[in-house]
Amino acid sequence: MDTIAQEIKATLRAVRDDLEPDLALRLHRANSWLAATEALEDDFIDMGFVSLWIGFNTCYGEESDHTQELTERQRFRAFVESLCECDLNKHIYHCLWRNFTNHVRRLLKNQYVYAGFWKAQREGTAHWEEQFHREHANALKALAAQDVPKLLGIVLDRLYVLRNQLVHGGATFQSGVNREQVNDGHAILKALLPIIIQIMMNSNDRDWGPNAYPVINT
């Protein structure tokens, strides 16, 4: 049986000539990282999450004027807005709803992937819990109101903290200390990335921007 990445690869090949070249390259690259994750054993879930984040980053990253460079969070929040506008059938909402009772809810209740918690640790203050609980309540309200950009933005904020912990060496490989958030983050992003690729593939008329590192023919 074909994996999800293999199915996407076949579809991309079928529609490649109809896609805008930058978008075709972007989606080909993103799907390659999804395939890399699918090829990993369950014991390598840390690396699977990193591969999934690279695939997600491939979807929203673009060439920019570094004199006016957006922060990483600003960039993917703008991407989320565009993505949700194109998601006419609310595939992202249904994905988050399916996962809410387990992976999403646990992630939102986990203080160790909340940026404010770590900021309080660095500054030696205890003023993080009120905002933490407020954000959790906001996520519940967004879910009830089907406010996908807001809900997805909160979820991705938590995944971004997890990404930083892993990519910047703030975690031990296969550590039991952070196993819950790695498992939840991996499950959420593995469910979301194929949906993101499909939405972008179906939105060829949307300007997704130039690739940061285009293929250079020499």
N, C-alpha and C. Protein backbone atom coordinates (compact mmCIF):
# COMPACT_ATOMS: atom_id res chain seq x y z
N MET A 1 0.84 -1.20 0.00
CA MET A 1 0.00 0.00 0.00
C MET A 1 0.88 1.25 0.00
N ASP A 2 0.52 2.22 -0.85
CA ASP A 2 1.28 3.46 -0.92
C ASP A 2 1.13 4.26 0.37
N THR A 3 2.20 4.96 0.74
CA THR A 3 2.13 5.89 1.86
C THR A 3 1.46 7.18 1.39
N ILE A 4 1.14 8.05 2.34
CA ILE A 4 0.54 9.34 1.98
C ILE A 4 1.49 10.14 1.10
N ALA A 5 2.78 10.13 1.43
CA ALA A 5 3.76 10.87 0.64
C ALA A 5 3.85 10.33 -0.78
N GLN A 6 3.76 9.01 -0.94
CA GLN A 6 3.80 8.42 -2.29
C GLN A 6 2.58 8.81 -3.10
N GLU A 7 1.42 8.87 -2.43
CA GLU A 7 0.19 9.28 -3.12
C GLU A 7 0.29 10.75 -3.55
N ILE A 8 0.82 11.60 -2.67
CA ILE A 8 0.98 13.01 -3.01
C ILE A 8 1.98 13.18 -4.16
N LYS A 9 3.06 12.40 -4.11
CA LYS A 9 4.06 12.46 -5.17
C LYS A 9 3.46 12.14 -6.53
N ALA A 10 2.62 11.10 -6.58
CA ALA A 10 1.96 10.72 -7.83
C ALA A 10 1.04 11.83 -8.32
N THR A 11 0.31 12.45 -7.40
CA THR A 11 -0.59 13.55 -7.78
C THR A 11 0.21 14.74 -8.28
N LEU A 12 1.30 15.07 -7.60
CA LEU A 12 2.13 16.19 -8.03
C LEU A 12 2.69 15.97 -9.43
N ARG A 13 3.10 14.75 -9.72
CA ARG A 13 3.60 14.45 -11.05
C ARG A 13 2.52 14.65 -12.11
N ALA A 14 1.28 14.27 -11.75
CA ALA A 14 0.18 14.37 -12.71
C ALA A 14 -0.20 15.81 -13.03
N VAL A 15 -0.03 16.71 -12.03
CA VAL A 15 -0.46 18.10 -12.23
C VAL A 15 0.72 19.06 -12.37
N ARG A 16 1.94 18.52 -12.41
CA ARG A 16 3.15 19.35 -12.38
C ARG A 16 3.15 20.43 -13.45
N ASP A 17 2.72 20.07 -14.67
CA ASP A 17 2.76 21.04 -15.77
C ASP A 17 1.75 22.16 -15.61
N ASP A 18 0.75 21.94 -14.77
CA ASP A 18 -0.28 22.96 -14.55
C ASP A 18 0.04 23.87 -13.36
N LEU A 19 1.03 23.47 -12.56
CA LEU A 19 1.37 24.26 -11.38
C LEU A 19 2.38 25.35 -11.72
N GLU A 20 2.26 26.46 -11.02
CA GLU A 20 3.27 27.52 -11.12
C GLU A 20 4.60 26.91 -10.67
N PRO A 21 5.69 27.15 -11.42
CA PRO A 21 6.96 26.46 -11.15
C PRO A 21 7.47 26.58 -9.71
N ASP A 22 7.38 27.78 -9.12
CA ASP A 22 7.84 27.94 -7.73
C ASP A 22 7.01 27.09 -6.78
N LEU A 23 5.71 27.03 -7.03
CA LEU A 23 4.84 26.22 -6.17
C LEU A 23 5.13 24.74 -6.35
N ALA A 24 5.34 24.31 -7.59
CA ALA A 24 5.65 22.90 -7.84
C ALA A 24 6.91 22.48 -7.10
N LEU A 25 7.94 23.32 -7.14
CA LEU A 25 9.19 23.01 -6.43
C LEU A 25 8.97 23.00 -4.93
N ARG A 26 8.22 23.97 -4.43
CA ARG A 26 7.95 24.07 -2.99
C ARG A 26 7.25 22.80 -2.48
N LEU A 27 6.24 22.36 -3.20
CA LEU A 27 5.47 21.20 -2.76
C LEU A 27 6.26 19.91 -2.92
N HIS A 28 7.07 19.82 -3.97
CA HIS A 28 7.94 18.65 -4.15
C HIS A 28 8.90 18.53 -2.97
N ARG A 29 9.49 19.63 -2.57
CA ARG A 29 10.41 19.62 -1.44
C ARG A 29 9.69 19.28 -0.13
N ALA A 30 8.55 19.90 0.10
CA ALA A 30 7.80 19.64 1.33
C ALA A 30 7.42 18.16 1.43
N ASN A 31 6.96 17.59 0.33
CA ASN A 31 6.55 16.19 0.34
C ASN A 31 7.74 15.25 0.55
N SER A 32 8.92 15.67 0.10
CA SER A 32 10.11 14.83 0.30
C SER A 32 10.41 14.67 1.79
N TRP A 33 10.14 15.73 2.59
CA TRP A 33 10.37 15.66 4.03
C TRP A 33 9.28 14.87 4.73
N LEU A 34 8.06 14.90 4.18
CA LEU A 34 7.01 14.03 4.69
C LEU A 34 7.39 12.57 4.45
N ALA A 35 7.92 12.28 3.25
CA ALA A 35 8.37 10.92 2.94
C ALA A 35 9.49 10.48 3.87
N ALA A 36 10.39 11.41 4.19
CA ALA A 36 11.50 11.09 5.10
C ALA A 36 10.96 10.69 6.46
N THR A 37 9.94 11.40 6.93
CA THR A 37 9.33 11.07 8.22
C THR A 37 8.68 9.70 8.19
N GLU A 38 7.97 9.41 7.12
CA GLU A 38 7.29 8.12 7.01
C GLU A 38 8.27 6.95 6.97
N ALA A 39 9.48 7.21 6.49
CA ALA A 39 10.49 6.16 6.37
C ALA A 39 11.19 5.86 7.69
N LEU A 40 11.04 6.74 8.66
CA LEU A 40 11.72 6.57 9.95
C LEU A 40 10.99 5.56 10.83
N GLU A 41 11.75 4.83 11.63
CA GLU A 41 11.17 3.92 12.60
C GLU A 41 10.54 4.72 13.74
N ASP A 42 9.64 4.09 14.48
CA ASP A 42 8.97 4.75 15.59
C ASP A 42 9.95 5.24 16.65
N ASP A 43 11.10 4.58 16.78
CA ASP A 43 12.09 4.97 17.77
C ASP A 43 12.74 6.32 17.46
N PHE A 44 12.55 6.80 16.23
CA PHE A 44 13.19 8.04 15.80
C PHE A 44 12.17 9.16 15.62
N ILE A 45 11.23 9.22 16.55
CA ILE A 45 10.14 10.19 16.45
C ILE A 45 10.65 11.63 16.58
N ASP A 46 11.75 11.84 17.32
CA ASP A 46 12.34 13.17 17.42
C ASP A 46 12.75 13.67 16.03
N MET A 47 13.46 12.81 15.29
CA MET A 47 13.90 13.17 13.95
C MET A 47 12.71 13.30 13.01
N GLY A 48 11.67 12.50 13.27
CA GLY A 48 10.46 12.61 12.46
C GLY A 48 9.81 13.96 12.61
N PHE A 49 9.75 14.47 13.85
CA PHE A 49 9.17 15.79 14.07
C PHE A 49 10.00 16.86 13.36
N VAL A 50 11.33 16.77 13.47
CA VAL A 50 12.19 17.76 12.82
C VAL A 50 11.98 17.72 11.30
N SER A 51 11.88 16.53 10.73
CA SER A 51 11.63 16.42 9.28
C SER A 51 10.29 17.04 8.90
N LEU A 52 9.28 16.81 9.73
CA LEU A 52 7.96 17.39 9.46
C LEU A 52 8.01 18.91 9.54
N TRP A 53 8.77 19.45 10.52
CA TRP A 53 8.86 20.90 10.61
C TRP A 53 9.58 21.47 9.38
N ILE A 54 10.61 20.79 8.90
CA ILE A 54 11.30 21.25 7.69
C ILE A 54 10.30 21.27 6.52
N GLY A 55 9.48 20.22 6.43
CA GLY A 55 8.46 20.20 5.38
C GLY A 55 7.49 21.35 5.50
N PHE A 56 7.06 21.65 6.73
CA PHE A 56 6.17 22.79 6.97
C PHE A 56 6.87 24.10 6.62
N ASN A 57 8.12 24.21 7.04
CA ASN A 57 8.91 25.43 6.75
C ASN A 57 9.06 25.63 5.25
N THR A 58 9.21 24.53 4.52
CA THR A 58 9.31 24.59 3.07
C THR A 58 8.05 25.20 2.46
N CYS A 59 6.91 24.93 3.08
CA CYS A 59 5.64 25.44 2.55
C CYS A 59 5.51 26.95 2.69
N TYR A 60 6.02 27.51 3.79
CA TYR A 60 5.81 28.95 4.01
C TYR A 60 7.06 29.81 3.81
N GLY A 61 8.26 29.21 3.83
CA GLY A 61 9.48 30.00 3.70
C GLY A 61 9.61 30.60 2.31
N GLU A 62 10.15 31.79 2.24
CA GLU A 62 10.34 32.43 0.94
C GLU A 62 11.52 33.38 0.96
N GLU A 63 11.96 33.72 -0.22
CA GLU A 63 13.05 34.66 -0.36
C GLU A 63 12.58 36.02 0.14
N SER A 64 13.44 36.73 0.85
CA SER A 64 13.02 38.00 1.42
C SER A 64 14.15 39.01 1.36
N ASP A 65 13.76 40.28 1.47
CA ASP A 65 14.72 41.36 1.61
C ASP A 65 15.16 41.39 3.07
N HIS A 66 16.41 41.02 3.35
CA HIS A 66 16.84 40.86 4.73
C HIS A 66 16.90 42.18 5.50
N THR A 67 16.75 43.31 4.79
CA THR A 67 16.70 44.59 5.51
C THR A 67 15.33 44.79 6.16
N GLN A 68 14.34 44.02 5.67
CA GLN A 68 13.00 44.11 6.24
C GLN A 68 12.48 42.70 6.51
N GLU A 69 13.30 41.90 7.11
CA GLU A 69 12.98 40.49 7.31
C GLU A 69 11.94 40.32 8.41
N LEU A 70 10.91 39.51 8.11
CA LEU A 70 9.90 39.18 9.10
C LEU A 70 10.48 38.14 10.05
N THR A 71 9.99 38.15 11.27
CA THR A 71 10.39 37.08 12.17
C THR A 71 9.75 35.78 11.69
N GLU A 72 10.29 34.68 12.16
CA GLU A 72 9.77 33.37 11.76
C GLU A 72 8.29 33.25 12.10
N ARG A 73 7.92 33.70 13.29
CA ARG A 73 6.52 33.59 13.70
C ARG A 73 5.61 34.48 12.85
N GLN A 74 6.06 35.69 12.55
CA GLN A 74 5.26 36.57 11.69
C GLN A 74 5.05 35.93 10.32
N ARG A 75 6.08 35.28 9.84
CA ARG A 75 6.01 34.67 8.52
C ARG A 75 5.00 33.52 8.50
N PHE A 76 5.07 32.64 9.51
CA PHE A 76 4.13 31.53 9.42
C PHE A 76 2.72 31.91 9.85
N ARG A 77 2.57 32.99 10.62
CA ARG A 77 1.21 33.46 10.92
C ARG A 77 0.54 34.03 9.67
N ALA A 78 1.31 34.77 8.87
CA ALA A 78 0.78 35.29 7.60
C ALA A 78 0.43 34.12 6.68
N PHE A 79 1.26 33.10 6.70
CA PHE A 79 1.01 31.91 5.88
C PHE A 79 -0.28 31.22 6.33
N VAL A 80 -0.48 31.12 7.64
CA VAL A 80 -1.68 30.48 8.18
C VAL A 80 -2.94 31.20 7.69
N GLU A 81 -2.91 32.52 7.69
CA GLU A 81 -4.06 33.30 7.22
C GLU A 81 -4.38 32.95 5.76
N SER A 82 -3.34 32.94 4.92
CA SER A 82 -3.54 32.60 3.51
C SER A 82 -4.04 31.18 3.34
N LEU A 83 -3.46 30.28 4.09
CA LEU A 83 -3.82 28.87 4.00
C LEU A 83 -5.28 28.65 4.35
N CYS A 84 -5.73 29.27 5.44
CA CYS A 84 -7.11 29.09 5.88
C CYS A 84 -8.11 29.72 4.91
N GLU A 85 -7.72 30.81 4.25
CA GLU A 85 -8.59 31.41 3.24
C GLU A 85 -8.81 30.44 2.08
N CYS A 86 -7.81 29.62 1.79
CA CYS A 86 -7.90 28.68 0.67
C CYS A 86 -8.55 27.35 1.07
N ASP A 87 -8.70 27.12 2.36
CA ASP A 87 -9.23 25.86 2.85
C ASP A 87 -10.75 25.94 2.93
N LEU A 88 -11.39 25.94 1.78
CA LEU A 88 -12.82 26.18 1.71
C LEU A 88 -13.64 25.06 2.37
N ASN A 89 -13.09 23.85 2.38
CA ASN A 89 -13.80 22.71 2.96
C ASN A 89 -13.42 22.43 4.41
N LYS A 90 -12.65 23.34 5.00
CA LYS A 90 -12.28 23.28 6.42
C LYS A 90 -11.58 21.97 6.80
N HIS A 91 -10.68 21.53 5.93
CA HIS A 91 -9.94 20.31 6.22
C HIS A 91 -9.05 20.48 7.46
N ILE A 92 -8.48 21.67 7.62
CA ILE A 92 -7.61 21.90 8.78
C ILE A 92 -8.42 21.85 10.06
N TYR A 93 -9.58 22.47 10.07
CA TYR A 93 -10.44 22.44 11.26
C TYR A 93 -10.79 21.00 11.64
N HIS A 94 -11.21 20.22 10.66
CA HIS A 94 -11.62 18.84 10.93
C HIS A 94 -10.43 18.01 11.44
N CYS A 95 -9.24 18.31 10.93
CA CYS A 95 -8.04 17.62 11.40
C CYS A 95 -7.78 17.96 12.87
N LEU A 96 -7.84 19.23 13.21
CA LEU A 96 -7.61 19.65 14.59
C LEU A 96 -8.70 19.12 15.52
N TRP A 97 -9.95 19.11 15.02
CA TRP A 97 -11.06 18.61 15.83
C TRP A 97 -10.88 17.12 16.13
N ARG A 98 -10.48 16.35 15.10
CA ARG A 98 -10.26 14.91 15.31
C ARG A 98 -9.19 14.66 16.36
N ASN A 99 -8.17 15.50 16.37
CA ASN A 99 -7.03 15.31 17.26
C ASN A 99 -7.17 16.06 18.59
N PHE A 100 -8.27 16.81 18.74
CA PHE A 100 -8.33 17.72 19.89
C PHE A 100 -8.39 16.98 21.22
N THR A 101 -9.15 15.91 21.29
CA THR A 101 -9.34 15.25 22.57
C THR A 101 -8.07 14.57 23.07
N ASN A 102 -7.10 14.38 22.18
CA ASN A 102 -5.86 13.76 22.66
C ASN A 102 -4.67 14.67 22.41
N HIS A 103 -4.12 14.67 21.21
CA HIS A 103 -2.85 15.36 20.96
C HIS A 103 -2.93 16.88 21.14
N VAL A 104 -3.94 17.52 20.55
CA VAL A 104 -4.01 18.98 20.60
C VAL A 104 -4.28 19.47 22.02
N ARG A 105 -5.23 18.86 22.70
CA ARG A 105 -5.56 19.28 24.06
C ARG A 105 -4.35 19.12 24.99
N ARG A 106 -3.64 17.98 24.86
CA ARG A 106 -2.47 17.78 25.71
C ARG A 106 -1.38 18.80 25.42
N LEU A 107 -1.19 19.09 24.14
CA LEU A 107 -0.16 20.06 23.77
C LEU A 107 -0.47 21.43 24.35
N LEU A 108 -1.74 21.85 24.27
CA LEU A 108 -2.13 23.16 24.76
C LEU A 108 -2.04 23.25 26.28
N LYS A 109 -2.15 22.14 26.97
CA LYS A 109 -2.08 22.12 28.43
C LYS A 109 -0.66 21.88 28.95
N ASN A 110 0.29 21.72 28.02
CA ASN A 110 1.67 21.41 28.40
C ASN A 110 2.47 22.70 28.52
N GLN A 111 2.85 23.07 29.74
CA GLN A 111 3.55 24.34 29.97
C GLN A 111 4.95 24.36 29.34
N TYR A 112 5.51 23.17 29.08
CA TYR A 112 6.89 23.10 28.60
C TYR A 112 7.02 23.43 27.11
N VAL A 113 5.90 23.62 26.42
CA VAL A 113 5.96 24.11 25.04
C VAL A 113 5.27 25.48 24.94
N TYR A 114 5.19 26.15 26.07
CA TYR A 114 4.63 27.51 26.12
C TYR A 114 5.78 28.49 26.29
N ALA A 115 5.94 29.40 25.33
CA ALA A 115 7.08 30.32 25.32
C ALA A 115 7.13 31.17 26.59
N GLY A 116 5.96 31.58 27.10
CA GLY A 116 5.92 32.42 28.29
C GLY A 116 6.49 31.74 29.52
N PHE A 117 6.36 30.42 29.60
CA PHE A 117 6.91 29.67 30.73
C PHE A 117 8.43 29.79 30.74
N TRP A 118 9.05 29.62 29.59
CA TRP A 118 10.51 29.67 29.52
C TRP A 118 11.03 31.09 29.70
N LYS A 119 10.26 32.07 29.22
CA LYS A 119 10.64 33.47 29.43
C LYS A 119 10.66 33.78 30.93
N ALA A 120 9.67 33.26 31.66
CA ALA A 120 9.61 33.47 33.11
C ALA A 120 10.78 32.79 33.82
N GLN A 121 11.18 31.62 33.32
CA GLN A 121 12.32 30.93 33.92
C GLN A 121 13.61 31.74 33.74
N ARG A 122 13.77 32.29 32.54
CA ARG A 122 14.98 33.07 32.25
C ARG A 122 15.04 34.35 33.08
N GLU A 123 13.87 34.97 33.28
CA GLU A 123 13.83 36.25 33.98
C GLU A 123 13.63 36.09 35.49
N GLY A 124 13.42 34.86 35.93
CA GLY A 124 13.26 34.60 37.35
C GLY A 124 11.95 35.13 37.91
N THR A 125 10.90 35.14 37.08
CA THR A 125 9.58 35.60 37.52
C THR A 125 8.60 34.43 37.51
N ALA A 126 7.46 34.65 38.09
CA ALA A 126 6.43 33.59 38.14
C ALA A 126 5.18 34.00 37.39
N HIS A 127 5.28 35.06 36.60
CA HIS A 127 4.08 35.62 35.97
C HIS A 127 3.88 35.03 34.56
N TRP A 128 3.48 33.79 34.49
CA TRP A 128 3.21 33.16 33.20
C TRP A 128 1.89 32.39 33.19
N GLU A 129 1.44 31.95 34.37
CA GLU A 129 0.29 31.04 34.41
C GLU A 129 -1.01 31.69 33.95
N GLU A 130 -1.20 32.96 34.29
CA GLU A 130 -2.46 33.62 33.92
C GLU A 130 -2.60 33.68 32.39
N GLN A 131 -1.55 34.11 31.70
CA GLN A 131 -1.59 34.17 30.25
C GLN A 131 -1.68 32.78 29.63
N PHE A 132 -1.03 31.83 30.25
CA PHE A 132 -1.07 30.44 29.78
C PHE A 132 -2.51 29.91 29.79
N HIS A 133 -3.21 30.12 30.90
CA HIS A 133 -4.59 29.66 31.01
C HIS A 133 -5.51 30.47 30.09
N ARG A 134 -5.19 31.75 29.89
CA ARG A 134 -5.99 32.57 28.98
C ARG A 134 -5.88 32.07 27.55
N GLU A 135 -4.66 31.70 27.14
CA GLU A 135 -4.46 31.18 25.79
C GLU A 135 -5.18 29.86 25.60
N HIS A 136 -5.16 29.04 26.63
CA HIS A 136 -5.88 27.77 26.54
C HIS A 136 -7.38 28.01 26.37
N ALA A 137 -7.91 28.97 27.13
CA ALA A 137 -9.33 29.32 27.00
C ALA A 137 -9.63 29.88 25.61
N ASN A 138 -8.72 30.70 25.10
CA ASN A 138 -8.89 31.26 23.76
C ASN A 138 -8.91 30.16 22.70
N ALA A 139 -8.08 29.13 22.89
CA ALA A 139 -8.06 28.01 21.95
C ALA A 139 -9.40 27.27 21.96
N LEU A 140 -9.97 27.08 23.15
CA LEU A 140 -11.27 26.43 23.26
C LEU A 140 -12.35 27.25 22.58
N LYS A 141 -12.30 28.56 22.77
CA LYS A 141 -13.28 29.44 22.12
C LYS A 141 -13.11 29.41 20.61
N ALA A 142 -11.87 29.40 20.15
CA ALA A 142 -11.60 29.35 18.71
C ALA A 142 -12.11 28.05 18.11
N LEU A 143 -11.94 26.95 18.84
CA LEU A 143 -12.43 25.66 18.37
C LEU A 143 -13.95 25.68 18.26
N ALA A 144 -14.62 26.21 19.29
CA ALA A 144 -16.08 26.26 19.29
C ALA A 144 -16.61 27.16 18.17
N ALA A 145 -15.89 28.25 17.89
CA ALA A 145 -16.31 29.20 16.87
C ALA A 145 -15.79 28.84 15.48
N GLN A 146 -15.05 27.74 15.39
CA GLN A 146 -14.41 27.31 14.14
C GLN A 146 -13.52 28.43 13.57
N ASP A 147 -12.86 29.13 14.50
CA ASP A 147 -11.90 30.17 14.11
C ASP A 147 -10.55 29.48 13.88
N VAL A 148 -10.40 28.95 12.66
CA VAL A 148 -9.25 28.10 12.35
C VAL A 148 -7.92 28.87 12.41
N PRO A 149 -7.84 30.09 11.83
CA PRO A 149 -6.55 30.80 11.92
C PRO A 149 -6.07 31.01 13.34
N LYS A 150 -6.98 31.36 14.24
CA LYS A 150 -6.59 31.60 15.62
C LYS A 150 -6.16 30.30 16.31
N LEU A 151 -6.96 29.25 16.14
CA LEU A 151 -6.65 27.97 16.77
C LEU A 151 -5.34 27.40 16.22
N LEU A 152 -5.19 27.41 14.90
CA LEU A 152 -3.97 26.88 14.30
C LEU A 152 -2.77 27.71 14.70
N GLY A 153 -2.93 29.02 14.82
CA GLY A 153 -1.84 29.89 15.25
C GLY A 153 -1.35 29.54 16.64
N ILE A 154 -2.29 29.27 17.56
CA ILE A 154 -1.91 28.90 18.93
C ILE A 154 -1.19 27.55 18.93
N VAL A 155 -1.72 26.59 18.18
CA VAL A 155 -1.09 25.27 18.10
C VAL A 155 0.32 25.37 17.53
N LEU A 156 0.48 26.15 16.46
CA LEU A 156 1.80 26.28 15.84
C LEU A 156 2.78 27.03 16.73
N ASP A 157 2.29 27.95 17.55
CA ASP A 157 3.16 28.62 18.52
C ASP A 157 3.80 27.59 19.46
N ARG A 158 2.98 26.62 19.90
CA ARG A 158 3.50 25.58 20.80
C ARG A 158 4.48 24.66 20.05
N LEU A 159 4.14 24.33 18.82
CA LEU A 159 5.02 23.47 18.03
C LEU A 159 6.33 24.18 17.71
N TYR A 160 6.28 25.51 17.60
CA TYR A 160 7.50 26.27 17.33
C TYR A 160 8.46 26.22 18.52
N VAL A 161 7.92 26.26 19.73
CA VAL A 161 8.76 26.12 20.92
C VAL A 161 9.40 24.73 20.95
N LEU A 162 8.61 23.71 20.63
CA LEU A 162 9.14 22.35 20.57
C LEU A 162 10.21 22.24 19.50
N ARG A 163 9.98 22.86 18.36
CA ARG A 163 10.97 22.88 17.28
C ARG A 163 12.28 23.49 17.77
N ASN A 164 12.19 24.60 18.49
CA ASN A 164 13.39 25.26 19.01
C ASN A 164 14.14 24.37 19.99
N GLN A 165 13.39 23.69 20.86
CA GLN A 165 14.02 22.81 21.84
C GLN A 165 14.86 21.73 21.14
N LEU A 166 14.32 21.16 20.08
CA LEU A 166 15.00 20.07 19.39
C LEU A 166 16.13 20.58 18.49
N VAL A 167 15.82 21.58 17.66
CA VAL A 167 16.79 22.05 16.67
C VAL A 167 17.97 22.77 17.30
N HIS A 168 17.73 23.48 18.41
CA HIS A 168 18.79 24.24 19.05
C HIS A 168 19.46 23.50 20.20
N GLY A 169 19.25 22.18 20.24
CA GLY A 169 19.96 21.38 21.23
C GLY A 169 19.45 21.51 22.64
N GLY A 170 18.18 21.88 22.80
CA GLY A 170 17.62 22.04 24.13
C GLY A 170 16.92 20.80 24.64
N ALA A 171 17.20 19.67 24.00
CA ALA A 171 16.58 18.41 24.42
C ALA A 171 17.55 17.27 24.13
N THR A 172 17.42 16.20 24.88
CA THR A 172 18.21 15.00 24.67
C THR A 172 17.48 14.07 23.72
N PHE A 173 18.20 13.48 22.79
CA PHE A 173 17.59 12.55 21.84
C PHE A 173 16.92 11.39 22.57
N GLN A 174 15.64 11.15 22.23
CA GLN A 174 14.83 10.08 22.81
C GLN A 174 14.66 10.23 24.33
N SER A 175 14.75 11.46 24.81
CA SER A 175 14.60 11.69 26.25
C SER A 175 13.19 11.39 26.72
N GLY A 176 13.07 10.81 27.89
CA GLY A 176 11.76 10.57 28.47
C GLY A 176 11.16 11.83 29.07
N VAL A 177 11.99 12.85 29.29
CA VAL A 177 11.53 14.09 29.93
C VAL A 177 10.51 14.81 29.05
N ASN A 178 10.75 14.85 27.74
CA ASN A 178 9.87 15.61 26.84
C ASN A 178 9.08 14.70 25.91
N ARG A 179 8.93 13.42 26.28
CA ARG A 179 8.32 12.46 25.36
C ARG A 179 6.89 12.81 24.99
N GLU A 180 6.11 13.31 25.95
CA GLU A 180 4.70 13.60 25.66
C GLU A 180 4.56 14.67 24.59
N GLN A 181 5.30 15.78 24.74
CA GLN A 181 5.14 16.85 23.74
C GLN A 181 5.72 16.47 22.38
N VAL A 182 6.78 15.66 22.37
CA VAL A 182 7.33 15.21 21.08
C VAL A 182 6.32 14.30 20.39
N ASN A 183 5.74 13.36 21.13
CA ASN A 183 4.73 12.46 20.55
C ASN A 183 3.54 13.24 20.02
N ASP A 184 3.04 14.19 20.81
CA ASP A 184 1.87 14.97 20.39
C ASP A 184 2.20 15.87 19.21
N GLY A 185 3.36 16.54 19.27
CA GLY A 185 3.76 17.42 18.18
C GLY A 185 3.94 16.67 16.88
N HIS A 186 4.55 15.50 16.97
CA HIS A 186 4.76 14.66 15.79
C HIS A 186 3.42 14.24 15.18
N ALA A 187 2.48 13.80 16.02
CA ALA A 187 1.18 13.34 15.53
C ALA A 187 0.40 14.48 14.87
N ILE A 188 0.43 15.66 15.47
CA ILE A 188 -0.32 16.80 14.93
C ILE A 188 0.27 17.23 13.58
N LEU A 189 1.58 17.39 13.53
CA LEU A 189 2.21 17.88 12.30
C LEU A 189 2.15 16.84 11.19
N LYS A 190 2.21 15.57 11.55
CA LYS A 190 2.11 14.51 10.53
C LYS A 190 0.72 14.48 9.91
N ALA A 191 -0.29 14.85 10.69
CA ALA A 191 -1.66 14.93 10.16
C ALA A 191 -1.87 16.20 9.35
N LEU A 192 -1.23 17.30 9.78
CA LEU A 192 -1.46 18.59 9.13
C LEU A 192 -0.70 18.76 7.81
N LEU A 193 0.54 18.28 7.75
CA LEU A 193 1.37 18.58 6.58
C LEU A 193 0.77 18.10 5.26
N PRO A 194 0.24 16.87 5.17
CA PRO A 194 -0.38 16.46 3.90
C PRO A 194 -1.56 17.34 3.51
N ILE A 195 -2.32 17.80 4.51
CA ILE A 195 -3.46 18.68 4.23
C ILE A 195 -2.98 20.02 3.70
N ILE A 196 -1.93 20.56 4.30
CA ILE A 196 -1.35 21.83 3.85
C ILE A 196 -0.87 21.72 2.41
N ILE A 197 -0.16 20.65 2.10
CA ILE A 197 0.34 20.44 0.73
C ILE A 197 -0.83 20.37 -0.25
N GLN A 198 -1.88 19.64 0.11
CA GLN A 198 -3.03 19.48 -0.77
C GLN A 198 -3.75 20.81 -0.99
N ILE A 199 -3.92 21.60 0.07
CA ILE A 199 -4.58 22.90 -0.06
C ILE A 199 -3.78 23.80 -1.00
N MET A 200 -2.47 23.82 -0.85
CA MET A 200 -1.63 24.66 -1.71
C MET A 200 -1.67 24.16 -3.15
N MET A 201 -1.68 22.85 -3.33
CA MET A 201 -1.75 22.29 -4.67
C MET A 201 -3.03 22.70 -5.37
N ASN A 202 -4.12 22.80 -4.60
CA ASN A 202 -5.42 23.19 -5.16
C ASN A 202 -5.59 24.70 -5.27
N SER A 203 -4.57 25.45 -4.86
CA SER A 203 -4.66 26.92 -4.86
C SER A 203 -3.51 27.50 -5.69
N ASN A 204 -3.40 27.00 -6.89
CA ASN A 204 -2.31 27.41 -7.79
C ASN A 204 -2.38 28.88 -8.15
N ASP A 205 -3.60 29.47 -8.06
CA ASP A 205 -3.76 30.87 -8.41
C ASP A 205 -3.31 31.82 -7.30
N ARG A 206 -3.03 31.28 -6.11
CA ARG A 206 -2.56 32.08 -4.98
C ARG A 206 -1.05 32.28 -5.10
N ASP A 207 -0.59 33.49 -4.80
CA ASP A 207 0.85 33.77 -4.82
C ASP A 207 1.45 33.31 -3.51
N TRP A 208 2.18 32.18 -3.54
CA TRP A 208 2.80 31.65 -2.33
C TRP A 208 4.23 32.15 -2.18
N GLY A 209 4.65 33.03 -3.08
CA GLY A 209 5.97 33.63 -2.95
C GLY A 209 7.07 32.78 -3.58
N PRO A 210 8.22 33.41 -3.83
CA PRO A 210 9.35 32.68 -4.41
C PRO A 210 10.05 31.82 -3.37
N ASN A 211 10.65 30.75 -3.83
CA ASN A 211 11.42 29.89 -2.94
C ASN A 211 12.69 30.60 -2.47
N ALA A 212 13.06 30.36 -1.23
CA ALA A 212 14.25 31.00 -0.67
C ALA A 212 15.51 30.53 -1.38
N TYR A 213 15.56 29.27 -1.75
CA TYR A 213 16.73 28.69 -2.41
C TYR A 213 16.29 27.95 -3.66
N PRO A 214 16.07 28.70 -4.75
CA PRO A 214 15.63 28.07 -6.00
C PRO A 214 16.72 27.19 -6.61
N VAL A 215 16.32 26.29 -7.47
CA VAL A 215 17.27 25.49 -8.20
C VAL A 215 17.97 26.38 -9.22
N ILE A 216 19.30 26.38 -9.20
CA ILE A 216 20.09 27.20 -10.12
C ILE A 216 20.71 26.29 -11.18
N ASN A 217 20.36 26.52 -12.41
CA ASN A 217 20.94 25.74 -13.51
C ASN A 217 22.25 26.37 -13.95
N THR A 218 23.33 25.60 -13.90
CA THR A 218 24.64 26.13 -14.27
C THR A 218 25.12 25.45 -15.55
